[in-house]
PDB file of N, CA and C in Angstrom:
ATOM      1  N   MET A   1     135.929 101.349 103.536  1.00  0.00           N
ATOM      2  CA  MET A   1     136.154 101.834 104.880  1.00  0.00           C
ATOM      3  C   MET A   1     134.879 101.625 105.695  1.00  0.00           C
ATOM      4  N   LYS A   2     135.043 101.275 106.953  1.00  0.00           N
ATOM      5  CA  LYS A   2     133.888 101.100 107.831  1.00  0.00           C
ATOM      6  C   LYS A   2     133.617 102.420 108.546  1.00  0.00           C
ATOM      7  N   VAL A   3     132.350 102.833 108.525  1.00  0.00           N
ATOM      8  CA  VAL A   3     131.934 104.081 109.164  1.00  0.00           C
ATOM      9  C   VAL A   3     130.814 103.774 110.153  1.00  0.00           C
ATOM     10  N   GLN A   4     130.486 104.747 110.962  1.00  0.00           N
ATOM     11  CA  GLN A   4     129.380 104.621 111.923  1.00  0.00           C
ATOM     12  C   GLN A   4     128.295 105.620 111.549  1.00  0.00           C
ATOM     13  N   ILE A   5     127.082 105.137 111.400  1.00  0.00           N
ATOM     14  CA  ILE A   5     125.932 105.998 111.138  1.00  0.00           C
ATOM     15  C   ILE A   5     124.869 105.641 112.171  1.00  0.00           C
ATOM     16  N   PRO A   6     124.494 106.583 113.020  1.00  0.00           N
ATOM     17  CA  PRO A   6     123.474 106.261 114.024  1.00  0.00           C
ATOM     18  C   PRO A   6     122.059 106.239 113.423  1.00  0.00           C
ATOM     19  N   PHE A   7     121.240 105.330 113.945  1.00  0.00           N
ATOM     20  CA  PHE A   7     119.846 105.222 113.526  1.00  0.00           C
ATOM     21  C   PHE A   7     118.958 105.088 114.755  1.00  0.00           C
ATOM     22  N   ARG A   8     117.764 105.608 114.648  1.00  0.00           N
ATOM     23  CA  ARG A   8     116.788 105.475 115.726  1.00  0.00           C
ATOM     24  C   ARG A   8     116.331 104.018 115.823  1.00  0.00           C
ATOM     25  N   PRO A   9     116.087 103.528 117.044  1.00  0.00           N
ATOM     26  CA  PRO A   9     115.659 102.133 117.221  1.00  0.00           C
ATOM     27  C   PRO A   9     114.423 101.766 116.404  1.00  0.00           C
ATOM     28  N   GLU A  10     113.549 102.729 116.148  1.00  0.00           N
ATOM     29  CA  GLU A  10     112.321 102.430 115.403  1.00  0.00           C
ATOM     30  C   GLU A  10     112.590 101.985 113.965  1.00  0.00           C
ATOM     31  N   PHE A  11     113.825 102.176 113.480  1.00  0.00           N
ATOM     32  CA  PHE A  11     114.142 101.790 112.108  1.00  0.00           C
ATOM     33  C   PHE A  11     114.740 100.384 111.993  1.00  0.00           C
ATOM     34  N   ARG A  12     114.840  99.681 113.108  1.00  0.00           N
ATOM     35  CA  ARG A  12     115.457  98.345 113.100  1.00  0.00           C
ATOM     36  C   ARG A  12     114.813  97.420 112.065  1.00  0.00           C
ATOM     37  N   GLU A  13     113.525  97.191 112.198  1.00  0.00           N
ATOM     38  CA  GLU A  13     112.852  96.220 111.329  1.00  0.00           C
ATOM     39  C   GLU A  13     112.867  96.635 109.858  1.00  0.00           C
ATOM     40  N   VAL A  14     112.598  97.905 109.577  1.00  0.00           N
ATOM     41  CA  VAL A  14     112.552  98.334 108.172  1.00  0.00           C
ATOM     42  C   VAL A  14     113.931  98.293 107.523  1.00  0.00           C
ATOM     43  N   MET A  15     114.980  98.483 108.316  1.00  0.00           N
ATOM     44  CA  MET A  15     116.326  98.353 107.740  1.00  0.00           C
ATOM     45  C   MET A  15     116.678  96.891 107.518  1.00  0.00           C
ATOM     46  N   LEU A  16     116.433  96.058 108.511  1.00  0.00           N
ATOM     47  CA  LEU A  16     116.775  94.641 108.380  1.00  0.00           C
ATOM     48  C   LEU A  16     115.955  93.955 107.289  1.00  0.00           C
ATOM     49  N   ASN A  17     114.760  94.466 107.018  1.00  0.00           N
ATOM     50  CA  ASN A  17     113.905  93.894 105.971  1.00  0.00           C
ATOM     51  C   ASN A  17     114.098  94.553 104.611  1.00  0.00           C
ATOM     52  N   GLY A  18     115.037  95.488 104.498  1.00  0.00           N
ATOM     53  CA  GLY A  18     115.327  96.107 103.211  1.00  0.00           C
ATOM     54  C   GLY A  18     114.323  97.146 102.756  1.00  0.00           C
ATOM     55  N   ILE A  19     113.490  97.633 103.658  1.00  0.00           N
ATOM     56  CA  ILE A  19     112.495  98.654 103.303  1.00  0.00           C
ATOM     57  C   ILE A  19     113.129 100.039 103.373  1.00  0.00           C
ATOM     58  N   LYS A  20     113.843 100.313 104.466  1.00  0.00           N
ATOM     59  CA  LYS A  20     114.567 101.582 104.597  1.00  0.00           C
ATOM     60  C   LYS A  20     115.913 101.417 103.915  1.00  0.00           C
ATOM     61  N   THR A  21     116.090 102.141 102.827  1.00  0.00           N
ATOM     62  CA  THR A  21     117.329 102.044 102.050  1.00  0.00           C
ATOM     63  C   THR A  21     117.956 103.417 101.825  1.00  0.00           C
ATOM     64  N   MET A  22     117.472 104.423 102.578  1.00  0.00           N
ATOM     65  CA  MET A  22     117.954 105.784 102.386  1.00  0.00           C
ATOM     66  C   MET A  22     117.902 106.525 103.712  1.00  0.00           C
ATOM     67  N   THR A  23     118.900 107.375 103.940  1.00  0.00           N
ATOM     68  CA  THR A  23     118.878 108.259 105.097  1.00  0.00           C
ATOM     69  C   THR A  23     119.439 109.610 104.684  1.00  0.00           C
ATOM     70  N   SER A  24     118.774 110.663 105.087  1.00  0.00           N
ATOM     71  CA  SER A  24     119.198 112.027 104.785  1.00  0.00           C
ATOM     72  C   SER A  24     119.811 112.627 106.044  1.00  0.00           C
ATOM     73  N   ARG A  25     120.957 113.256 105.883  1.00  0.00           N
ATOM     74  CA  ARG A  25     121.700 113.787 107.024  1.00  0.00           C
ATOM     75  C   ARG A  25     122.189 115.194 106.740  1.00  0.00           C
ATOM     76  N   THR A  26     122.440 115.943 107.819  1.00  0.00           N
ATOM     77  CA  THR A  26     122.932 117.312 107.661  1.00  0.00           C
ATOM     78  C   THR A  26     124.433 117.362 107.427  1.00  0.00           C
ATOM     79  N   LYS A  27     125.125 116.244 107.685  1.00  0.00           N
ATOM     80  CA  LYS A  27     126.560 116.177 107.419  1.00  0.00           C
ATOM     81  C   LYS A  27     126.872 114.796 106.840  1.00  0.00           C
ATOM     82  N   PRO A  28     127.972 114.686 106.111  1.00  0.00           N
ATOM     83  CA  PRO A  28     128.308 113.392 105.520  1.00  0.00           C
ATOM     84  C   PRO A  28     128.817 112.411 106.578  1.00  0.00           C
ATOM     85  N   PHE A  29     128.452 111.155 106.430  1.00  0.00           N
ATOM     86  CA  PHE A  29     128.916 110.116 107.342  1.00  0.00           C
ATOM     87  C   PHE A  29     129.809 109.101 106.642  1.00  0.00           C
ATOM     88  N   GLY A  30     129.865 109.142 105.315  1.00  0.00           N
ATOM     89  CA  GLY A  30     130.679 108.191 104.586  1.00  0.00           C
ATOM     90  C   GLY A  30     130.667 108.491 103.104  1.00  0.00           C
ATOM     91  N   LYS A  31     131.328 107.600 102.360  1.00  0.00           N
ATOM     92  CA  LYS A  31     131.414 107.734 100.910  1.00  0.00           C
ATOM     93  C   LYS A  31     130.881 106.466 100.265  1.00  0.00           C
ATOM     94  N   GLU A  32     130.575 106.555  98.992  1.00  0.00           N
ATOM     95  CA  GLU A  32     130.099 105.379  98.259  1.00  0.00           C
ATOM     96  C   GLU A  32     131.090 104.231  98.439  1.00  0.00           C
ATOM     97  N   GLY A  33     130.548 103.066  98.758  1.00  0.00           N
ATOM     98  CA  GLY A  33     131.372 101.880  98.973  1.00  0.00           C
ATOM     99  C   GLY A  33     131.695 101.619 100.434  1.00  0.00           C
ATOM    100  N   ASP A  34     131.583 102.631 101.292  1.00  0.00           N
ATOM    101  CA  ASP A  34     131.824 102.429 102.723  1.00  0.00           C
ATOM    102  C   ASP A  34     130.757 101.497 103.287  1.00  0.00           C
ATOM    103  N   THR A  35     131.103 100.808 104.364  1.00  0.00           N
ATOM    104  CA  THR A  35     130.157  99.925 105.039  1.00  0.00           C
ATOM    105  C   THR A  35     129.910 100.441 106.451  1.00  0.00           C
ATOM    106  N   PHE A  36     128.766 100.042 107.002  1.00  0.00           N
ATOM    107  CA  PHE A  36     128.458 100.426 108.374  1.00  0.00           C
ATOM    108  C   PHE A  36     127.596  99.347 109.022  1.00  0.00           C
ATOM    109  N   PRO A  37     127.785  99.144 110.323  1.00  0.00           N
ATOM    110  CA  PRO A  37     126.937  98.208 111.051  1.00  0.00           C
ATOM    111  C   PRO A  37     125.695  98.912 111.568  1.00  0.00           C
ATOM    112  N   ALA A  38     124.600  98.180 111.616  1.00  0.00           N
ATOM    113  CA  ALA A  38     123.374  98.693 112.224  1.00  0.00           C
ATOM    114  C   ALA A  38     122.490  97.510 112.601  1.00  0.00           C
ATOM    115  N   PHE A  39     122.067  97.470 113.823  1.00  0.00           N
ATOM    116  CA  PHE A  39     121.135  96.454 114.304  1.00  0.00           C
ATOM    117  C   PHE A  39     121.650  95.032 114.067  1.00  0.00           C
ATOM    118  N   GLY A  40     122.973  94.833 114.202  1.00  0.00           N
ATOM    119  CA  GLY A  40     123.557  93.506 114.057  1.00  0.00           C
ATOM    120  C   GLY A  40     123.791  93.064 112.627  1.00  0.00           C
ATOM    121  N   ALA A  41     123.557  93.919 111.658  1.00  0.00           N
ATOM    122  CA  ALA A  41     123.776  93.595 110.243  1.00  0.00           C
ATOM    123  C   ALA A  41     124.775  94.595 109.658  1.00  0.00           C
ATOM    124  N   GLU A  42     125.267  94.299 108.470  1.00  0.00           N
ATOM    125  CA  GLU A  42     126.191  95.188 107.757  1.00  0.00           C
ATOM    126  C   GLU A  42     125.487  95.767 106.528  1.00  0.00           C
ATOM    127  N   PHE A  43     125.762  97.021 106.267  1.00  0.00           N
ATOM    128  CA  PHE A  43     125.169  97.735 105.139  1.00  0.00           C
ATOM    129  C   PHE A  43     126.275  98.419 104.348  1.00  0.00           C
ATOM    130  N   ARG A  44     126.020  98.651 103.062  1.00  0.00           N
ATOM    131  CA  ARG A  44     126.983  99.326 102.179  1.00  0.00           C
ATOM    132  C   ARG A  44     126.329 100.567 101.580  1.00  0.00           C
ATOM    133  N   LEU A  45     127.065 101.677 101.612  1.00  0.00           N
ATOM    134  CA  LEU A  45     126.590 102.900 100.968  1.00  0.00           C
ATOM    135  C   LEU A  45     126.753 102.753  99.464  1.00  0.00           C
ATOM    136  N   LYS A  46     125.648 102.852  98.736  1.00  0.00           N
ATOM    137  CA  LYS A  46     125.677 102.748  97.274  1.00  0.00           C
ATOM    138  C   LYS A  46     125.862 104.107  96.625  1.00  0.00           C
ATOM    139  N   TYR A  47     125.152 105.115  97.137  1.00  0.00           N
ATOM    140  CA  TYR A  47     125.216 106.465  96.581  1.00  0.00           C
ATOM    141  C   TYR A  47     125.219 107.468  97.726  1.00  0.00           C
ATOM    142  N   VAL A  48     126.034 108.490  97.594  1.00  0.00           N
ATOM    143  CA  VAL A  48     126.079 109.583  98.565  1.00  0.00           C
ATOM    144  C   VAL A  48     126.110 110.872  97.755  1.00  0.00           C
ATOM    145  N   PHE A  49     125.117 111.732  97.970  1.00  0.00           N
ATOM    146  CA  PHE A  49     125.040 112.977  97.204  1.00  0.00           C
ATOM    147  C   PHE A  49     124.228 114.006  97.982  1.00  0.00           C
ATOM    148  N   ARG A  50     124.301 115.252  97.541  1.00  0.00           N
ATOM    149  CA  ARG A  50     123.541 116.326  98.181  1.00  0.00           C
ATOM    150  C   ARG A  50     122.308 116.660  97.347  1.00  0.00           C
ATOM    151  N   GLU A  51     121.227 116.983  98.050  1.00  0.00           N
ATOM    152  CA  GLU A  51     120.020 117.461  97.395  1.00  0.00           C
ATOM    153  C   GLU A  51     119.163 118.190  98.427  1.00  0.00           C
ATOM    154  N   LEU A  52     118.105 118.804  97.977  1.00  0.00           N
ATOM    155  CA  LEU A  52     117.223 119.528  98.878  1.00  0.00           C
ATOM    156  C   LEU A  52     116.383 118.552  99.698  1.00  0.00           C
ATOM    157  N   LEU A  53     116.138 118.910 100.937  1.00  0.00           N
ATOM    158  CA  LEU A  53     115.394 118.053 101.859  1.00  0.00           C
ATOM    159  C   LEU A  53     114.002 117.718 101.336  1.00  0.00           C
ATOM    160  N   ARG A  54     113.408 118.590 100.544  1.00  0.00           N
ATOM    161  CA  ARG A  54     112.062 118.304 100.024  1.00  0.00           C
ATOM    162  C   ARG A  54     112.043 117.029  99.191  1.00  0.00           C
ATOM    163  N   TYR A  55     113.152 116.707  98.520  1.00  0.00           N
ATOM    164  CA  TYR A  55     113.200 115.475  97.730  1.00  0.00           C
ATOM    165  C   TYR A  55     113.292 114.236  98.625  1.00  0.00           C
ATOM    166  N   SER A  56     113.913 114.394  99.785  1.00  0.00           N
ATOM    167  CA  SER A  56     113.939 113.284 100.739  1.00  0.00           C
ATOM    168  C   SER A  56     112.524 113.000 101.231  1.00  0.00           C
ATOM    169  N   ALA A  57     111.744 114.053 101.457  1.00  0.00           N
ATOM    170  CA  ALA A  57     110.362 113.868 101.905  1.00  0.00           C
ATOM    171  C   ALA A  57     109.536 113.154 100.847  1.00  0.00           C
ATOM    172  N   VAL A  58     109.820 113.421  99.585  1.00  0.00           N
ATOM    173  CA  VAL A  58     109.120 112.736  98.486  1.00  0.00           C
ATOM    174  C   VAL A  58     109.461 111.243  98.506  1.00  0.00           C
ATOM    175  N   ASN A  59     110.672 110.911  98.931  1.00  0.00           N
ATOM    176  CA  ASN A  59     111.137 109.522  98.993  1.00  0.00           C
ATOM    177  C   ASN A  59     110.952 108.940 100.396  1.00  0.00           C
ATOM    178  N   TRP A  60     109.863 109.307 101.043  1.00  0.00           N
ATOM    179  CA  TRP A  60     109.611 108.899 102.424  1.00  0.00           C
ATOM    180  C   TRP A  60     109.625 107.386 102.615  1.00  0.00           C
ATOM    181  N   GLU A  61     109.191 106.628 101.610  1.00  0.00           N
ATOM    182  CA  GLU A  61     109.208 105.165 101.750  1.00  0.00           C
ATOM    183  C   GLU A  61     110.630 104.646 101.865  1.00  0.00           C
ATOM    184  N   MET A  62     111.523 105.150 101.025  1.00  0.00           N
ATOM    185  CA  MET A  62     112.929 104.739 101.100  1.00  0.00           C
ATOM    186  C   MET A  62     113.553 105.160 102.430  1.00  0.00           C
ATOM    187  N   GLU A  63     113.023 106.214 103.024  1.00  0.00           N
ATOM    188  CA  GLU A  63     113.509 106.702 104.325  1.00  0.00           C
ATOM    189  C   GLU A  63     112.963 105.866 105.489  1.00  0.00           C
ATOM    190  N   GLY A  64     112.058 104.947 105.195  1.00  0.00           N
ATOM    191  CA  GLY A  64     111.498 104.085 106.228  1.00  0.00           C
ATOM    192  C   GLY A  64     110.340 104.707 106.988  1.00  0.00           C
ATOM    193  N   ALA A  65     109.790 105.805 106.470  1.00  0.00           N
ATOM    194  CA  ALA A  65     108.653 106.475 107.115  1.00  0.00           C
ATOM    195  C   ALA A  65     107.338 105.885 106.602  1.00  0.00           C
ATOM    196  N   LYS A  66     106.268 106.171 107.310  1.00  0.00           N
ATOM    197  CA  LYS A  66     104.946 105.669 106.931  1.00  0.00           C
ATOM    198  C   LYS A  66     104.238 106.571 105.932  1.00  0.00           C
ATOM    199  N   SER A  67     104.702 107.828 105.841  1.00  0.00           N
ATOM    200  CA  SER A  67     104.113 108.806 104.929  1.00  0.00           C
ATOM    201  C   SER A  67     105.051 110.008 104.858  1.00  0.00           C
ATOM    202  N   LYS A  68     104.755 110.928 103.955  1.00  0.00           N
ATOM    203  CA  LYS A  68     105.542 112.167 103.879  1.00  0.00           C
ATOM    204  C   LYS A  68     105.436 112.929 105.201  1.00  0.00           C
ATOM    205  N   GLU A  69     104.233 112.980 105.755  1.00  0.00           N
ATOM    206  CA  GLU A  69     104.018 113.675 107.028  1.00  0.00           C
ATOM    207  C   GLU A  69     104.798 113.009 108.157  1.00  0.00           C
ATOM    208  N   ASP A  70     104.878 111.678 108.126  1.00  0.00           N
ATOM    209  CA  ASP A  70     105.640 110.942 109.135  1.00  0.00           C
ATOM    210  C   ASP A  70     107.129 111.279 109.009  1.00  0.00           C
ATOM    211  N   PHE A  71     107.632 111.355 107.775  1.00  0.00           N
ATOM    212  CA  PHE A  71     109.032 111.731 107.570  1.00  0.00           C
ATOM    213  C   PHE A  71     109.296 113.120 108.151  1.00  0.00           C
ATOM    214  N   ILE A  72     108.407 114.065 107.877  1.00  0.00           N
ATOM    215  CA  ILE A  72     108.576 115.432 108.374  1.00  0.00           C
ATOM    216  C   ILE A  72     108.512 115.449 109.903  1.00  0.00           C
ATOM    217  N   ARG A  73     107.613 114.681 110.484  1.00  0.00           N
ATOM    218  CA  ARG A  73     107.516 114.590 111.952  1.00  0.00           C
ATOM    219  C   ARG A  73     108.822 114.080 112.552  1.00  0.00           C
ATOM    220  N   ILE A  74     109.358 113.004 111.984  1.00  0.00           N
ATOM    221  CA  ILE A  74     110.611 112.429 112.475  1.00  0.00           C
ATOM    222  C   ILE A  74     111.745 113.441 112.328  1.00  0.00           C
ATOM    223  N   TRP A  75     111.815 114.101 111.174  1.00  0.00           N
ATOM    224  CA  TRP A  75     112.864 115.110 110.950  1.00  0.00           C
ATOM    225  C   TRP A  75     112.771 116.210 112.017  1.00  0.00           C
ATOM    226  N   ASN A  76     111.555 116.673 112.283  1.00  0.00           N
ATOM    227  CA  ASN A  76     111.364 117.735 113.280  1.00  0.00           C
ATOM    228  C   ASN A  76     111.757 117.274 114.687  1.00  0.00           C
ATOM    229  N   GLU A  77     111.528 116.002 115.004  1.00  0.00           N
ATOM    230  CA  GLU A  77     111.936 115.473 116.313  1.00  0.00           C
ATOM    231  C   GLU A  77     113.456 115.435 116.439  1.00  0.00           C
ATOM    232  N   ILE A  78     114.124 115.064 115.350  1.00  0.00           N
ATOM    233  CA  ILE A  78     115.585 114.954 115.375  1.00  0.00           C
ATOM    234  C   ILE A  78     116.238 116.334 115.314  1.00  0.00           C
ATOM    235  N   HIS A  79     115.598 117.270 114.628  1.00  0.00           N
ATOM    236  CA  HIS A  79     116.153 118.616 114.421  1.00  0.00           C
ATOM    237  C   HIS A  79     115.179 119.677 114.943  1.00  0.00           C
ATOM    238  N   PRO A  80     114.963 119.725 116.258  1.00  0.00           N
ATOM    239  CA  PRO A  80     113.934 120.632 116.793  1.00  0.00           C
ATOM    240  C   PRO A  80     114.254 122.121 116.619  1.00  0.00           C
ATOM    241  N   ARG A  81     115.514 122.492 116.578  1.00  0.00           N
ATOM    242  CA  ARG A  81     115.842 123.923 116.454  1.00  0.00           C
ATOM    243  C   ARG A  81     115.538 124.455 115.064  1.00  0.00           C
ATOM    244  N   LYS A  82     115.977 123.760 114.049  1.00  0.00           N
ATOM    245  CA  LYS A  82     115.769 124.234 112.675  1.00  0.00           C
ATOM    246  C   LYS A  82     114.472 123.701 112.075  1.00  0.00           C
ATOM    247  N   GLY A  83     114.122 122.475 112.423  1.00  0.00           N
ATOM    248  CA  GLY A  83     112.915 121.877 111.884  1.00  0.00           C
ATOM    249  C   GLY A  83     113.043 121.552 110.402  1.00  0.00           C
ATOM    250  N   PHE A  84     111.943 121.161 109.814  1.00  0.00           N
ATOM    251  CA  PHE A  84     111.913 120.772 108.407  1.00  0.00           C
ATOM    252  C   PHE A  84     111.889 122.019 107.523  1.00  0.00           C
ATOM    253  N   ASP A  85     112.946 122.194 106.769  1.00  0.00           N
ATOM    254  CA  ASP A  85     113.054 123.280 105.783  1.00  0.00           C
ATOM    255  C   ASP A  85     113.217 122.611 104.428  1.00  0.00           C
ATOM    256  N   PRO A  86     112.204 122.633 103.573  1.00  0.00           N
ATOM    257  CA  PRO A  86     112.277 121.910 102.302  1.00  0.00           C
ATOM    258  C   PRO A  86     113.432 122.351 101.404  1.00  0.00           C
ATOM    259  N   PHE A  87     113.971 123.538 101.657  1.00  0.00           N
ATOM    260  CA  PHE A  87     115.064 124.042 100.817  1.00  0.00           C
ATOM    261  C   PHE A  87     116.442 123.848 101.442  1.00  0.00           C
ATOM    262  N   GLN A  88     116.489 123.158 102.582  1.00  0.00           N
ATOM    263  CA  GLN A  88     117.775 122.848 103.209  1.00  0.00           C
ATOM    264  C   GLN A  88     118.505 121.805 102.369  1.00  0.00           C
ATOM    265  N   SER A  89     119.785 122.008 102.155  1.00  0.00           N
ATOM    266  CA  SER A  89     120.613 121.038 101.446  1.00  0.00           C
ATOM    267  C   SER A  89     121.069 119.969 102.437  1.00  0.00           C
ATOM    268  N   VAL A  90     120.849 118.702 102.084  1.00  0.00           N
ATOM    269  CA  VAL A  90     121.215 117.589 102.961  1.00  0.00           C
ATOM    270  C   VAL A  90     122.045 116.565 102.195  1.00  0.00           C
ATOM    271  N   TRP A  91     122.726 115.716 102.940  1.00  0.00           N
ATOM    272  CA  TRP A  91     123.458 114.591 102.363  1.00  0.00           C
ATOM    273  C   TRP A  91     122.519 113.396 102.318  1.00  0.00           C
ATOM    274  N   VAL A  92     122.327 112.849 101.154  1.00  0.00           N
ATOM    275  CA  VAL A  92     121.481 111.668 100.980  1.00  0.00           C
ATOM    276  C   VAL A  92     122.395 110.453 100.852  1.00  0.00           C
ATOM    277  N   ASN A  93     122.084 109.434 101.632  1.00  0.00           N
ATOM    278  CA  ASN A  93     122.849 108.186 101.622  1.00  0.00           C
ATOM    279  C   ASN A  93     121.904 107.057 101.244  1.00  0.00           C
ATOM    280  N   ILE A  94     122.131 106.449 100.109  1.00  0.00           N
ATOM    281  CA  ILE A  94     121.341 105.290  99.692  1.00  0.00           C
ATOM    282  C   ILE A  94     122.201 104.063  99.961  1.00  0.00           C
ATOM    283  N   PHE A  95     121.611 103.076 100.631  1.00  0.00           N
ATOM    284  CA  PHE A  95     122.400 101.928 101.075  1.00  0.00           C
ATOM    285  C   PHE A  95     121.667 100.619 100.834  1.00  0.00           C
ATOM    286  N   GLU A  96     122.410  99.527 100.984  1.00  0.00           N
ATOM    287  CA  GLU A  96     121.836  98.192 100.855  1.00  0.00           C
ATOM    288  C   GLU A  96     122.402  97.308 101.952  1.00  0.00           C
ATOM    289  N   LYS A  97     121.602  96.350 102.372  1.00  0.00           N
ATOM    290  CA  LYS A  97     122.072  95.364 103.343  1.00  0.00           C
ATOM    291  C   LYS A  97     123.006  94.407 102.614  1.00  0.00           C
ATOM    292  N   ILE A  98     124.121  94.105 103.239  1.00  0.00           N
ATOM    293  CA  ILE A  98     125.079  93.168 102.654  1.00  0.00           C
ATOM    294  C   ILE A  98     124.629  91.761 103.015  1.00  0.00           C
ATOM    295  N   GLU A  99     124.310  90.988 102.017  1.00  0.00           N
ATOM    296  CA  GLU A  99     123.888  89.608 102.270  1.00  0.00           C
ATOM    297  C   GLU A  99     125.055  88.854 102.896  1.00  0.00           C
ATOM    298  N   GLY A 100     124.724  88.028 103.884  1.00  0.00           N
ATOM    299  CA  GLY A 100     125.766  87.319 104.598  1.00  0.00           C
ATOM    300  C   GLY A 100     126.309  88.138 105.744  1.00  0.00           C
ATOM    301  N   GLY A 101     125.892  89.417 105.810  1.00  0.00           N
ATOM    302  CA  GLY A 101     126.306  90.276 106.900  1.00  0.00           C
ATOM    303  C   GLY A 101     125.424  90.039 108.114  1.00  0.00           C
ATOM    304  N   GLY A 102     124.393  89.181 107.937  1.00  0.00           N
ATOM    305  CA  GLY A 102     123.423  88.755 108.921  1.00  0.00           C
ATOM    306  C   GLY A 102     123.385  89.444 110.269  1.00  0.00           C
ATOM    307  N   GLU A 103     122.387  89.123 111.033  1.00  0.00           N
ATOM    308  CA  GLU A 103     122.234  89.690 112.364  1.00  0.00           C
ATOM    309  C   GLU A 103     123.104  88.916 113.345  1.00  0.00           C
ATOM    310  N   THR A 104     123.797  89.665 114.171  1.00  0.00           N
ATOM    311  CA  THR A 104     124.572  89.035 115.238  1.00  0.00           C
ATOM    312  C   THR A 104     123.886  89.257 116.572  1.00  0.00           C
ATOM    313  N   LYS A 105     123.235  90.411 116.739  1.00  0.00           N
ATOM    314  CA  LYS A 105     122.477  90.727 117.954  1.00  0.00           C
ATOM    315  C   LYS A 105     121.359  91.691 117.578  1.00  0.00           C
ATOM    316  N   PRO A 106     120.299  91.701 118.351  1.00  0.00           N
ATOM    317  CA  PRO A 106     119.245  92.682 118.094  1.00  0.00           C
ATOM    318  C   PRO A 106     119.686  94.077 118.450  1.00  0.00           C
TER     319      PRO A 106
END
Protein backbone atom coordinates (compact mmCIF):
# COMPACT_ATOMS: atom_id res chain seq x y z
CA MET A 1 0.00 0.00 0.00
CA LYS A 2 1.22 3.51 -0.74
CA VAL A 3 1.22 5.89 2.23
CA GLN A 4 2.24 9.51 2.79
CA ILE A 5 4.88 10.41 5.36
CA PRO A 6 5.88 14.07 5.61
CA PHE A 7 9.55 15.01 5.97
CA ARG A 8 11.30 18.30 6.58
CA PRO A 9 13.10 19.71 3.51
CA GLU A 10 16.43 19.50 5.35
CA PHE A 11 16.26 15.70 5.08
CA ARG A 12 16.20 15.62 1.27
CA GLU A 13 19.87 14.85 0.66
CA VAL A 14 20.34 12.40 3.54
CA MET A 15 17.28 10.43 2.46
CA LEU A 16 18.18 10.37 -1.23
CA ASN A 17 21.74 9.31 -0.32
CA GLY A 18 20.57 6.50 1.98
CA ILE A 19 21.92 8.08 5.18
CA LYS A 20 18.53 8.74 6.81
CA THR A 21 16.86 5.34 7.03
CA MET A 22 14.71 5.84 10.13
CA THR A 23 12.00 8.20 11.34
CA SER A 24 10.31 8.25 14.73
CA ARG A 25 6.72 9.43 14.91
CA THR A 26 4.03 9.92 17.53
CA LYS A 27 1.49 8.05 15.40
CA PRO A 28 1.77 5.27 12.83
CA PHE A 29 1.96 6.26 9.17
CA GLY A 30 2.18 2.80 7.61
CA LYS A 31 2.99 -0.87 7.96
CA GLU A 32 5.96 -3.00 6.97
CA GLY A 33 6.05 -3.31 3.20
CA ASP A 34 4.17 -0.06 2.53
CA THR A 35 5.81 2.42 0.16
CA PHE A 36 5.92 6.19 0.25
CA PRO A 37 7.20 8.96 -2.00
CA ALA A 38 9.63 11.57 -0.73
CA PHE A 39 11.74 14.10 -2.61
CA GLY A 40 10.95 12.50 -5.99
CA ALA A 41 12.03 8.99 -4.94
CA GLU A 42 10.17 5.94 -3.60
CA PHE A 43 10.90 4.32 -0.24
CA ARG A 44 9.72 1.09 1.42
CA LEU A 45 9.02 0.61 5.12
CA LYS A 46 11.11 -2.36 6.28
CA TYR A 47 10.23 -2.33 9.99
CA VAL A 48 7.57 -0.53 12.00
CA PHE A 49 7.54 -0.90 15.78
CA ARG A 50 7.13 1.01 19.03
CA GLU A 51 9.92 1.92 21.41
CA LEU A 52 10.96 4.67 23.78
CA LEU A 53 12.10 7.94 22.22
CA ARG A 54 15.45 7.71 24.02
CA TYR A 55 16.41 4.83 21.72
CA SER A 56 15.64 6.96 18.67
CA ALA A 57 18.05 9.57 20.04
CA VAL A 58 20.72 6.88 20.34
CA ASN A 59 20.14 6.10 16.64
CA TRP A 60 20.52 9.75 15.63
CA GLU A 61 22.60 8.85 12.56
CA MET A 62 19.83 6.66 11.15
CA GLU A 63 17.45 9.56 11.87
CA GLY A 64 19.57 11.79 9.62
CA ALA A 65 20.72 14.07 12.46
CA LYS A 66 24.26 15.36 12.98
CA SER A 67 24.38 14.29 16.64
CA LYS A 68 22.16 13.16 19.51
CA GLU A 69 21.78 16.81 20.51
CA ASP A 70 20.79 17.70 16.93
CA PHE A 71 18.12 14.97 16.98
CA ILE A 72 16.74 16.33 20.26
CA ARG A 73 16.77 19.90 18.87
CA ILE A 74 14.83 18.81 15.77
CA TRP A 75 12.35 16.82 17.89
CA ASN A 76 11.78 19.87 20.11
CA GLU A 77 11.18 22.08 17.05
CA ILE A 78 8.61 19.65 15.66
CA HIS A 79 6.97 19.00 19.06
CA PRO A 80 7.23 22.31 20.95
CA ARG A 81 4.39 21.61 23.41
CA LYS A 82 5.61 18.28 24.75
CA GLY A 83 9.26 18.47 23.75
CA PHE A 84 11.74 15.62 24.02
CA ASP A 85 10.64 13.09 26.64
CA PRO A 86 13.04 10.12 26.60
CA PHE A 87 10.31 7.88 28.04
CA GLN A 88 7.68 8.75 25.43
CA SER A 89 6.60 5.76 23.36
CA VAL A 90 6.97 6.44 19.62
CA TRP A 91 6.48 4.60 16.34
CA VAL A 92 9.81 3.83 14.71
CA ASN A 93 9.84 3.41 10.94
CA ILE A 94 12.94 1.94 9.32
CA PHE A 95 12.93 2.33 5.56
CA GLU A 96 15.00 1.91 2.41
CA LYS A 97 15.10 3.71 -0.90
CA ILE A 98 13.67 1.56 -3.68
CA GLU A 99 16.25 1.28 -6.41
CA GLY A 100 14.79 2.31 -9.73
CA GLY A 101 12.35 4.52 -7.85
CA GLY A 102 14.73 7.36 -8.85
CA GLU A 103 14.19 11.07 -8.56
CA THR A 104 11.50 12.60 -10.69
CA LYS A 105 11.67 16.12 -9.23
CA PRO A 106 13.58 17.84 -6.45
